[in-house]
Amino acid sequence: MNTPDASSRLLLVSNSTQYGSGYLDHCEAEIRDFLRSTARVLFIPFAMHDLEAYAVRTVARFEAMGYSLEVINEVPDVQAAVAQAQALPRAQQPVA
């Protein structure tokens, strides 16, 4: 992302909620371990019909974990935001 030789890592989370817990509660430890000291996180919110509400919810949840989250459809320069991001969480609707 911000360096051409940066190693790529991938964290897969199959669901954002688990019965009896809140949004991302069940995988918070894994997210924290994965992101470690990451400062710039760029979110790509394509999993919900209401992208704005989904983005607001996700920004609040990541902030509660101590991470600053930018939303890709709210940045003025998408290419620069992607180049400067240290992490790119992406949500997508399941394929039927």
PDB file of N, CA and C in Angstrom:
ATOM      1  N   MET A   1       0.822  -1.177   0.000  1.00  0.00           N
ATOM      2  CA  MET A   1       0.000   0.000   0.000  1.00  0.00           C
ATOM      3  C   MET A   1       0.866   1.241   0.000  1.00  0.00           C
ATOM      4  N   ASN A   2       1.439   1.668   1.110  1.00  0.00           N
ATOM      5  CA  ASN A   2       2.222   2.893   1.028  1.00  0.00           C
ATOM      6  C   ASN A   2       3.678   2.639   0.678  1.00  0.00           C
ATOM      7  N   THR A   3       4.116   1.402   0.524  1.00  0.00           N
ATOM      8  CA  THR A   3       5.435   1.094  -0.004  1.00  0.00           C
ATOM      9  C   THR A   3       5.294  -0.055  -0.992  1.00  0.00           C
ATOM     10  N   PRO A   4       5.989   0.027  -2.127  1.00  0.00           N
ATOM     11  CA  PRO A   4       5.816  -1.001  -3.142  1.00  0.00           C
ATOM     12  C   PRO A   4       6.231  -2.391  -2.681  1.00  0.00           C
ATOM     13  N   ASP A   5       7.151  -2.486  -1.730  1.00  0.00           N
ATOM     14  CA  ASP A   5       7.623  -3.787  -1.290  1.00  0.00           C
ATOM     15  C   ASP A   5       6.953  -4.265   0.000  1.00  0.00           C
ATOM     16  N   ALA A   6       5.903  -3.587   0.412  1.00  0.00           N
ATOM     17  CA  ALA A   6       5.199  -3.987   1.638  1.00  0.00           C
ATOM     18  C   ALA A   6       4.587  -5.365   1.445  1.00  0.00           C
ATOM     19  N   SER A   7       4.730  -6.204   2.440  1.00  0.00           N
ATOM     20  CA  SER A   7       4.129  -7.527   2.333  1.00  0.00           C
ATOM     21  C   SER A   7       2.622  -7.408   2.507  1.00  0.00           C
ATOM     22  N   SER A   8       1.907  -8.254   1.819  1.00  0.00           N
ATOM     23  CA  SER A   8       0.449  -8.253   1.908  1.00  0.00           C
ATOM     24  C   SER A   8       0.005  -9.309   2.902  1.00  0.00           C
ATOM     25  N   ARG A   9      -0.960  -8.927   3.709  1.00  0.00           N
ATOM     26  CA  ARG A   9      -1.564  -9.869   4.649  1.00  0.00           C
ATOM     27  C   ARG A   9      -3.060  -9.752   4.487  1.00  0.00           C
ATOM     28  N   LEU A  10      -3.772 -10.811   4.826  1.00  0.00           N
ATOM     29  CA  LEU A  10      -5.210 -10.837   4.645  1.00  0.00           C
ATOM     30  C   LEU A  10      -5.875 -11.415   5.883  1.00  0.00           C
ATOM     31  N   LEU A  11      -6.861 -10.710   6.402  1.00  0.00           N
ATOM     32  CA  LEU A  11      -7.682 -11.200   7.504  1.00  0.00           C
ATOM     33  C   LEU A  11      -9.094 -11.374   6.961  1.00  0.00           C
ATOM     34  N   LEU A  12      -9.594 -12.600   7.007  1.00  0.00           N
ATOM     35  CA  LEU A  12     -10.947 -12.874   6.533  1.00  0.00           C
ATOM     36  C   LEU A  12     -11.889 -13.013   7.714  1.00  0.00           C
ATOM     37  N   VAL A  13     -12.963 -12.256   7.683  1.00  0.00           N
ATOM     38  CA  VAL A  13     -14.003 -12.330   8.707  1.00  0.00           C
ATOM     39  C   VAL A  13     -15.294 -12.641   7.960  1.00  0.00           C
ATOM     40  N   SER A  14     -15.900 -13.779   8.242  1.00  0.00           N
ATOM     41  CA  SER A  14     -17.052 -14.198   7.452  1.00  0.00           C
ATOM     42  C   SER A  14     -18.349 -13.499   7.838  1.00  0.00           C
ATOM     43  N   ASN A  15     -18.402 -12.919   9.015  1.00  0.00           N
ATOM     44  CA  ASN A  15     -19.609 -12.199   9.424  1.00  0.00           C
ATOM     45  C   ASN A  15     -19.226 -11.087  10.397  1.00  0.00           C
ATOM     46  N   SER A  16     -20.016 -10.037  10.400  1.00  0.00           N
ATOM     47  CA  SER A  16     -19.702  -8.899  11.268  1.00  0.00           C
ATOM     48  C   SER A  16     -20.363  -9.012  12.633  1.00  0.00           C
ATOM     49  N   THR A  17     -21.332  -9.887  12.752  1.00  0.00           N
ATOM     50  CA  THR A  17     -21.993 -10.092  14.046  1.00  0.00           C
ATOM     51  C   THR A  17     -22.150 -11.580  14.313  1.00  0.00           C
ATOM     52  N   GLN A  18     -22.165 -11.889  15.553  1.00  0.00           N
ATOM     53  CA  GLN A  18     -22.390 -13.262  15.995  1.00  0.00           C
ATOM     54  C   GLN A  18     -23.503 -13.210  17.027  1.00  0.00           C
ATOM     55  N   TYR A  19     -24.389 -14.178  17.008  1.00  0.00           N
ATOM     56  CA  TYR A  19     -25.526 -14.187  17.916  1.00  0.00           C
ATOM     57  C   TYR A  19     -25.070 -13.937  19.352  1.00  0.00           C
ATOM     58  N   GLY A  20     -25.698 -12.982  19.988  1.00  0.00           N
ATOM     59  CA  GLY A  20     -25.397 -12.676  21.377  1.00  0.00           C
ATOM     60  C   GLY A  20     -24.279 -11.663  21.582  1.00  0.00           C
ATOM     61  N   SER A  21     -23.705 -11.149  20.488  1.00  0.00           N
ATOM     62  CA  SER A  21     -22.644 -10.146  20.644  1.00  0.00           C
ATOM     63  C   SER A  21     -22.913  -8.976  19.708  1.00  0.00           C
ATOM     64  N   GLY A  22     -22.173  -7.899  19.921  1.00  0.00           N
ATOM     65  CA  GLY A  22     -22.342  -6.702  19.107  1.00  0.00           C
ATOM     66  C   GLY A  22     -21.510  -6.734  17.840  1.00  0.00           C
ATOM     67  N   TYR A  23     -21.626  -5.679  17.080  1.00  0.00           N
ATOM     68  CA  TYR A  23     -20.939  -5.527  15.799  1.00  0.00           C
ATOM     69  C   TYR A  23     -19.424  -5.671  15.962  1.00  0.00           C
ATOM     70  N   LEU A  24     -18.841  -6.670  15.346  1.00  0.00           N
ATOM     71  CA  LEU A  24     -17.410  -7.001  15.347  1.00  0.00           C
ATOM     72  C   LEU A  24     -16.853  -7.408  16.711  1.00  0.00           C
ATOM     73  N   ASP A  25     -17.715  -7.582  17.713  1.00  0.00           N
ATOM     74  CA  ASP A  25     -17.236  -7.969  19.049  1.00  0.00           C
ATOM     75  C   ASP A  25     -16.524  -9.319  19.027  1.00  0.00           C
ATOM     76  N   HIS A  26     -17.067 -10.266  18.290  1.00  0.00           N
ATOM     77  CA  HIS A  26     -16.519 -11.623  18.295  1.00  0.00           C
ATOM     78  C   HIS A  26     -15.144 -11.729  17.633  1.00  0.00           C
ATOM     79  N   CYS A  27     -14.765 -10.735  16.843  1.00  0.00           N
ATOM     80  CA  CYS A  27     -13.470 -10.792  16.157  1.00  0.00           C
ATOM     81  C   CYS A  27     -12.577  -9.590  16.477  1.00  0.00           C
ATOM     82  N   GLU A  28     -12.920  -8.841  17.520  1.00  0.00           N
ATOM     83  CA  GLU A  28     -12.132  -7.655  17.868  1.00  0.00           C
ATOM     84  C   GLU A  28     -10.679  -7.999  18.155  1.00  0.00           C
ATOM     85  N   ALA A  29     -10.434  -9.050  18.906  1.00  0.00           N
ATOM     86  CA  ALA A  29      -9.046  -9.427  19.238  1.00  0.00           C
ATOM     87  C   ALA A  29      -8.249  -9.728  17.977  1.00  0.00           C
ATOM     88  N   GLU A  30      -8.858 -10.415  17.024  1.00  0.00           N
ATOM     89  CA  GLU A  30      -8.171 -10.745  15.777  1.00  0.00           C
ATOM     90  C   GLU A  30      -7.913  -9.497  14.941  1.00  0.00           C
ATOM     91  N   ILE A  31      -8.876  -8.575  14.917  1.00  0.00           N
ATOM     92  CA  ILE A  31      -8.692  -7.318  14.184  1.00  0.00           C
ATOM     93  C   ILE A  31      -7.545  -6.525  14.802  1.00  0.00           C
ATOM     94  N   ARG A  32      -7.538  -6.405  16.129  1.00  0.00           N
ATOM     95  CA  ARG A  32      -6.465  -5.670  16.813  1.00  0.00           C
ATOM     96  C   ARG A  32      -5.105  -6.309  16.551  1.00  0.00           C
ATOM     97  N   ASP A  33      -5.049  -7.635  16.621  1.00  0.00           N
ATOM     98  CA  ASP A  33      -3.791  -8.338  16.371  1.00  0.00           C
ATOM     99  C   ASP A  33      -3.332  -8.125  14.930  1.00  0.00           C
ATOM    100  N   PHE A  34      -4.269  -8.157  14.020  1.00  0.00           N
ATOM    101  CA  PHE A  34      -3.947  -7.982  12.603  1.00  0.00           C
ATOM    102  C   PHE A  34      -3.473  -6.560  12.304  1.00  0.00           C
ATOM    103  N   LEU A  35      -4.189  -5.562  12.811  1.00  0.00           N
ATOM    104  CA  LEU A  35      -3.862  -4.171  12.511  1.00  0.00           C
ATOM    105  C   LEU A  35      -2.683  -3.644  13.325  1.00  0.00           C
ATOM    106  N   ARG A  36      -2.483  -4.203  14.513  1.00  0.00           N
ATOM    107  CA  ARG A  36      -1.394  -3.784  15.408  1.00  0.00           C
ATOM    108  C   ARG A  36      -1.340  -2.272  15.509  1.00  0.00           C
ATOM    109  N   SER A  37      -0.275  -1.658  15.060  1.00  0.00           N
ATOM    110  CA  SER A  37      -0.100  -0.204  15.216  1.00  0.00           C
ATOM    111  C   SER A  37      -0.484   0.571  13.958  1.00  0.00           C
ATOM    112  N   THR A  38      -1.301  -0.010  13.122  1.00  0.00           N
ATOM    113  CA  THR A  38      -1.747   0.651  11.892  1.00  0.00           C
ATOM    114  C   THR A  38      -2.448   1.962  12.232  1.00  0.00           C
ATOM    115  N   ALA A  39      -2.114   3.004  11.495  1.00  0.00           N
ATOM    116  CA  ALA A  39      -2.707   4.311  11.758  1.00  0.00           C
ATOM    117  C   ALA A  39      -3.777   4.678  10.726  1.00  0.00           C
ATOM    118  N   ARG A  40      -3.535   4.380   9.472  1.00  0.00           N
ATOM    119  CA  ARG A  40      -4.447   4.799   8.403  1.00  0.00           C
ATOM    120  C   ARG A  40      -5.207   3.600   7.851  1.00  0.00           C
ATOM    121  N   VAL A  41      -6.499   3.562   8.127  1.00  0.00           N
ATOM    122  CA  VAL A  41      -7.348   2.480   7.656  1.00  0.00           C
ATOM    123  C   VAL A  41      -8.381   3.083   6.710  1.00  0.00           C
ATOM    124  N   LEU A  42      -8.476   2.522   5.515  1.00  0.00           N
ATOM    125  CA  LEU A  42      -9.427   2.997   4.514  1.00  0.00           C
ATOM    126  C   LEU A  42     -10.489   1.922   4.320  1.00  0.00           C
ATOM    127  N   PHE A  43     -11.747   2.257   4.582  1.00  0.00           N
ATOM    128  CA  PHE A  43     -12.846   1.302   4.526  1.00  0.00           C
ATOM    129  C   PHE A  43     -13.572   1.387   3.194  1.00  0.00           C
ATOM    130  N   ILE A  44     -13.872   0.216   2.605  1.00  0.00           N
ATOM    131  CA  ILE A  44     -14.601   0.127   1.348  1.00  0.00           C
ATOM    132  C   ILE A  44     -15.940  -0.555   1.657  1.00  0.00           C
ATOM    133  N   PRO A  45     -17.010   0.230   1.857  1.00  0.00           N
ATOM    134  CA  PRO A  45     -18.280  -0.306   2.375  1.00  0.00           C
ATOM    135  C   PRO A  45     -19.281  -0.748   1.308  1.00  0.00           C
ATOM    136  N   PHE A  46     -19.159  -1.950   0.801  1.00  0.00           N
ATOM    137  CA  PHE A  46     -20.083  -2.376  -0.249  1.00  0.00           C
ATOM    138  C   PHE A  46     -20.969  -3.538   0.162  1.00  0.00           C
ATOM    139  N   ALA A  47     -21.113  -3.813   1.451  1.00  0.00           N
ATOM    140  CA  ALA A  47     -21.883  -4.982   1.882  1.00  0.00           C
ATOM    141  C   ALA A  47     -23.334  -4.678   2.225  1.00  0.00           C
ATOM    142  N   MET A  48     -23.674  -3.446   2.403  1.00  0.00           N
ATOM    143  CA  MET A  48     -25.026  -3.116   2.819  1.00  0.00           C
ATOM    144  C   MET A  48     -25.702  -2.203   1.797  1.00  0.00           C
ATOM    145  N   HIS A  49     -27.017  -2.222   1.800  1.00  0.00           N
ATOM    146  CA  HIS A  49     -27.781  -1.358   0.904  1.00  0.00           C
ATOM    147  C   HIS A  49     -27.562   0.114   1.252  1.00  0.00           C
ATOM    148  N   ASP A  50     -27.593   0.442   2.531  1.00  0.00           N
ATOM    149  CA  ASP A  50     -27.393   1.814   2.994  1.00  0.00           C
ATOM    150  C   ASP A  50     -25.913   2.009   3.324  1.00  0.00           C
ATOM    151  N   LEU A  51     -25.116   2.390   2.326  1.00  0.00           N
ATOM    152  CA  LEU A  51     -23.671   2.518   2.496  1.00  0.00           C
ATOM    153  C   LEU A  51     -23.293   3.555   3.541  1.00  0.00           C
ATOM    154  N   GLU A  52     -24.053   4.655   3.593  1.00  0.00           N
ATOM    155  CA  GLU A  52     -23.741   5.715   4.548  1.00  0.00           C
ATOM    156  C   GLU A  52     -23.916   5.242   5.991  1.00  0.00           C
ATOM    157  N   ALA A  53     -25.019   4.597   6.286  1.00  0.00           N
ATOM    158  CA  ALA A  53     -25.257   4.092   7.644  1.00  0.00           C
ATOM    159  C   ALA A  53     -24.233   3.029   8.014  1.00  0.00           C
ATOM    160  N   TYR A  54     -23.903   2.174   7.053  1.00  0.00           N
ATOM    161  CA  TYR A  54     -22.901   1.127   7.286  1.00  0.00           C
ATOM    162  C   TYR A  54     -21.541   1.745   7.583  1.00  0.00           C
ATOM    163  N   ALA A  55     -21.181   2.772   6.830  1.00  0.00           N
ATOM    164  CA  ALA A  55     -19.908   3.453   7.049  1.00  0.00           C
ATOM    165  C   ALA A  55     -19.867   4.114   8.428  1.00  0.00           C
ATOM    166  N   VAL A  56     -20.947   4.792   8.806  1.00  0.00           N
ATOM    167  CA  VAL A  56     -21.013   5.451  10.116  1.00  0.00           C
ATOM    168  C   VAL A  56     -20.837   4.422  11.232  1.00  0.00           C
ATOM    169  N   ARG A  57     -21.517   3.301  11.115  1.00  0.00           N
ATOM    170  CA  ARG A  57     -21.427   2.236  12.121  1.00  0.00           C
ATOM    171  C   ARG A  57     -20.003   1.673  12.213  1.00  0.00           C
ATOM    172  N   THR A  58     -19.380   1.464  11.066  1.00  0.00           N
ATOM    173  CA  THR A  58     -18.043   0.884  11.042  1.00  0.00           C
ATOM    174  C   THR A  58     -16.997   1.875  11.540  1.00  0.00           C
ATOM    175  N   VAL A  59     -17.117   3.119  11.157  1.00  0.00           N
ATOM    176  CA  VAL A  59     -16.190   4.148  11.653  1.00  0.00           C
ATOM    177  C   VAL A  59     -16.264   4.211  13.179  1.00  0.00           C
ATOM    178  N   ALA A  60     -17.462   4.238  13.724  1.00  0.00           N
ATOM    179  CA  ALA A  60     -17.631   4.300  15.181  1.00  0.00           C
ATOM    180  C   ALA A  60     -17.015   3.073  15.858  1.00  0.00           C
ATOM    181  N   ARG A  61     -17.208   1.904  15.270  1.00  0.00           N
ATOM    182  CA  ARG A  61     -16.686   0.665  15.883  1.00  0.00           C
ATOM    183  C   ARG A  61     -15.166   0.633  15.852  1.00  0.00           C
ATOM    184  N   PHE A  62     -14.563   1.038  14.724  1.00  0.00           N
ATOM    185  CA  PHE A  62     -13.101   1.063  14.644  1.00  0.00           C
ATOM    186  C   PHE A  62     -12.525   2.136  15.565  1.00  0.00           C
ATOM    187  N   GLU A  63     -13.192   3.277  15.673  1.00  0.00           N
ATOM    188  CA  GLU A  63     -12.734   4.312  16.601  1.00  0.00           C
ATOM    189  C   GLU A  63     -12.773   3.804  18.032  1.00  0.00           C
ATOM    190  N   ALA A  64     -13.790   3.014  18.378  1.00  0.00           N
ATOM    191  CA  ALA A  64     -13.868   2.433  19.722  1.00  0.00           C
ATOM    192  C   ALA A  64     -12.695   1.478  19.985  1.00  0.00           C
ATOM    193  N   MET A  65     -12.136   0.912  18.920  1.00  0.00           N
ATOM    194  CA  MET A  65     -10.962   0.041  19.050  1.00  0.00           C
ATOM    195  C   MET A  65      -9.658   0.835  18.973  1.00  0.00           C
ATOM    196  N   GLY A  66      -9.767   2.143  18.729  1.00  0.00           N
ATOM    197  CA  GLY A  66      -8.587   2.991  18.694  1.00  0.00           C
ATOM    198  C   GLY A  66      -8.011   3.239  17.308  1.00  0.00           C
ATOM    199  N   TYR A  67      -8.778   2.961  16.252  1.00  0.00           N
ATOM    200  CA  TYR A  67      -8.294   3.152  14.888  1.00  0.00           C
ATOM    201  C   TYR A  67      -9.058   4.261  14.190  1.00  0.00           C
ATOM    202  N   SER A  68      -8.342   5.048  13.405  1.00  0.00           N
ATOM    203  CA  SER A  68      -8.959   6.083  12.589  1.00  0.00           C
ATOM    204  C   SER A  68      -9.330   5.453  11.255  1.00  0.00           C
ATOM    205  N   LEU A  69     -10.570   5.623  10.854  1.00  0.00           N
ATOM    206  CA  LEU A  69     -11.071   4.980   9.645  1.00  0.00           C
ATOM    207  C   LEU A  69     -11.564   6.035   8.673  1.00  0.00           C
ATOM    208  N   GLU A  70     -11.084   5.983   7.433  1.00  0.00           N
ATOM    209  CA  GLU A  70     -11.605   6.820   6.361  1.00  0.00           C
ATOM    210  C   GLU A  70     -12.488   5.932   5.490  1.00  0.00           C
ATOM    211  N   VAL A  71     -13.492   6.516   4.884  1.00  0.00           N
ATOM    212  CA  VAL A  71     -14.404   5.775   4.017  1.00  0.00           C
ATOM    213  C   VAL A  71     -14.116   6.174   2.577  1.00  0.00           C
ATOM    214  N   ILE A  72     -13.893   5.182   1.720  1.00  0.00           N
ATOM    215  CA  ILE A  72     -13.419   5.446   0.363  1.00  0.00           C
ATOM    216  C   ILE A  72     -14.345   6.359  -0.439  1.00  0.00           C
ATOM    217  N   ASN A  73     -15.655   6.240  -0.278  1.00  0.00           N
ATOM    218  CA  ASN A  73     -16.560   7.084  -1.049  1.00  0.00           C
ATOM    219  C   ASN A  73     -16.709   8.484  -0.454  1.00  0.00           C
ATOM    220  N   GLU A  74     -15.937   8.808   0.593  1.00  0.00           N
ATOM    221  CA  GLU A  74     -15.973  10.144   1.190  1.00  0.00           C
ATOM    222  C   GLU A  74     -14.654  10.900   1.032  1.00  0.00           C
ATOM    223  N   VAL A  75     -13.636  10.276   0.456  1.00  0.00           N
ATOM    224  CA  VAL A  75     -12.343  10.941   0.300  1.00  0.00           C
ATOM    225  C   VAL A  75     -12.310  11.674  -1.039  1.00  0.00           C
ATOM    226  N   PRO A  76     -11.644  12.831  -1.109  1.00  0.00           N
ATOM    227  CA  PRO A  76     -11.615  13.595  -2.355  1.00  0.00           C
ATOM    228  C   PRO A  76     -10.742  12.954  -3.443  1.00  0.00           C
ATOM    229  N   ASP A  77      -9.692  12.240  -3.051  1.00  0.00           N
ATOM    230  CA  ASP A  77      -8.780  11.632  -4.014  1.00  0.00           C
ATOM    231  C   ASP A  77      -8.615  10.154  -3.669  1.00  0.00           C
ATOM    232  N   VAL A  78      -9.380   9.315  -4.346  1.00  0.00           N
ATOM    233  CA  VAL A  78      -9.400   7.882  -4.035  1.00  0.00           C
ATOM    234  C   VAL A  78      -8.021   7.251  -4.243  1.00  0.00           C
ATOM    235  N   GLN A  79      -7.366   7.560  -5.333  1.00  0.00           N
ATOM    236  CA  GLN A  79      -6.053   6.966  -5.606  1.00  0.00           C
ATOM    237  C   GLN A  79      -5.047   7.316  -4.521  1.00  0.00           C
ATOM    238  N   ALA A  80      -5.037   8.549  -4.068  1.00  0.00           N
ATOM    239  CA  ALA A  80      -4.128   8.963  -2.998  1.00  0.00           C
ATOM    240  C   ALA A  80      -4.486   8.275  -1.689  1.00  0.00           C
ATOM    241  N   ALA A  81      -5.765   8.165  -1.406  1.00  0.00           N
ATOM    242  CA  ALA A  81      -6.205   7.506  -0.170  1.00  0.00           C
ATOM    243  C   ALA A  81      -5.782   6.047  -0.152  1.00  0.00           C
ATOM    244  N   VAL A  82      -5.932   5.355  -1.276  1.00  0.00           N
ATOM    245  CA  VAL A  82      -5.510   3.952  -1.355  1.00  0.00           C
ATOM    246  C   VAL A  82      -3.993   3.851  -1.198  1.00  0.00           C
ATOM    247  N   ALA A  83      -3.262   4.727  -1.843  1.00  0.00           N
ATOM    248  CA  ALA A  83      -1.797   4.704  -1.761  1.00  0.00           C
ATOM    249  C   ALA A  83      -1.300   4.970  -0.341  1.00  0.00           C
ATOM    250  N   GLN A  84      -2.007   5.794   0.413  1.00  0.00           N
ATOM    251  CA  GLN A  84      -1.578   6.166   1.754  1.00  0.00           C
ATOM    252  C   GLN A  84      -2.122   5.255   2.843  1.00  0.00           C
ATOM    253  N   ALA A  85      -3.100   4.443   2.526  1.00  0.00           N
ATOM    254  CA  ALA A  85      -3.716   3.569   3.527  1.00  0.00           C
ATOM    255  C   ALA A  85      -2.748   2.477   3.954  1.00  0.00           C
ATOM    256  N   GLN A  86      -2.801   2.137   5.223  1.00  0.00           N
ATOM    257  CA  GLN A  86      -2.011   1.032   5.742  1.00  0.00           C
ATOM    258  C   GLN A  86      -2.848  -0.240   5.836  1.00  0.00           C
ATOM    259  N   ALA A  87      -4.164  -0.093   5.770  1.00  0.00           N
ATOM    260  CA  ALA A  87      -5.067  -1.243   5.800  1.00  0.00           C
ATOM    261  C   ALA A  87      -6.318  -0.889   5.004  1.00  0.00           C
ATOM    262  N   LEU A  88      -6.896  -1.907   4.338  1.00  0.00           N
ATOM    263  CA  LEU A  88      -8.077  -1.710   3.519  1.00  0.00           C
ATOM    264  C   LEU A  88      -9.140  -2.747   3.859  1.00  0.00           C
ATOM    265  N   PRO A  89      -9.909  -2.554   4.931  1.00  0.00           N
ATOM    266  CA  PRO A  89     -11.010  -3.489   5.167  1.00  0.00           C
ATOM    267  C   PRO A  89     -12.079  -3.279   4.119  1.00  0.00           C
ATOM    268  N   ARG A  90     -12.584  -4.354   3.593  1.00  0.00           N
ATOM    269  CA  ARG A  90     -13.573  -4.294   2.534  1.00  0.00           C
ATOM    270  C   ARG A  90     -14.716  -5.230   2.871  1.00  0.00           C
ATOM    271  N   ALA A  91     -15.903  -4.751   2.701  1.00  0.00           N
ATOM    272  CA  ALA A  91     -17.075  -5.566   2.959  1.00  0.00           C
ATOM    273  C   ALA A  91     -17.801  -5.786   1.645  1.00  0.00           C
ATOM    274  N   GLN A  92     -18.319  -6.982   1.460  1.00  0.00           N
ATOM    275  CA  GLN A  92     -18.973  -7.300   0.205  1.00  0.00           C
ATOM    276  C   GLN A  92     -20.174  -8.203   0.473  1.00  0.00           C
ATOM    277  N   GLN A  93     -21.208  -8.001  -0.301  1.00  0.00           N
ATOM    278  CA  GLN A  93     -22.380  -8.872  -0.217  1.00  0.00           C
ATOM    279  C   GLN A  93     -21.976 -10.280  -0.638  1.00  0.00           C
ATOM    280  N   PRO A  94     -22.490 -11.293  -0.007  1.00  0.00           N
ATOM    281  CA  PRO A  94     -22.210 -12.665  -0.449  1.00  0.00           C
ATOM    282  C   PRO A  94     -22.752 -12.893  -1.865  1.00  0.00           C
ATOM    283  N   VAL A  95     -22.073 -13.704  -2.599  1.00  0.00           N
ATOM    284  CA  VAL A  95     -22.513 -14.033  -3.964  1.00  0.00           C
ATOM    285  C   VAL A  95     -23.477 -15.201  -3.879  1.00  0.00           C
ATOM    286  N   ALA A  96     -24.634 -15.067  -4.526  1.00  0.00           N
ATOM    287  CA  ALA A  96     -25.652 -16.124  -4.472  1.00  0.00           C
ATOM    288  C   ALA A  96     -25.376 -17.192  -5.499  1.00  0.00           C
TER     289      ALA A  96
END
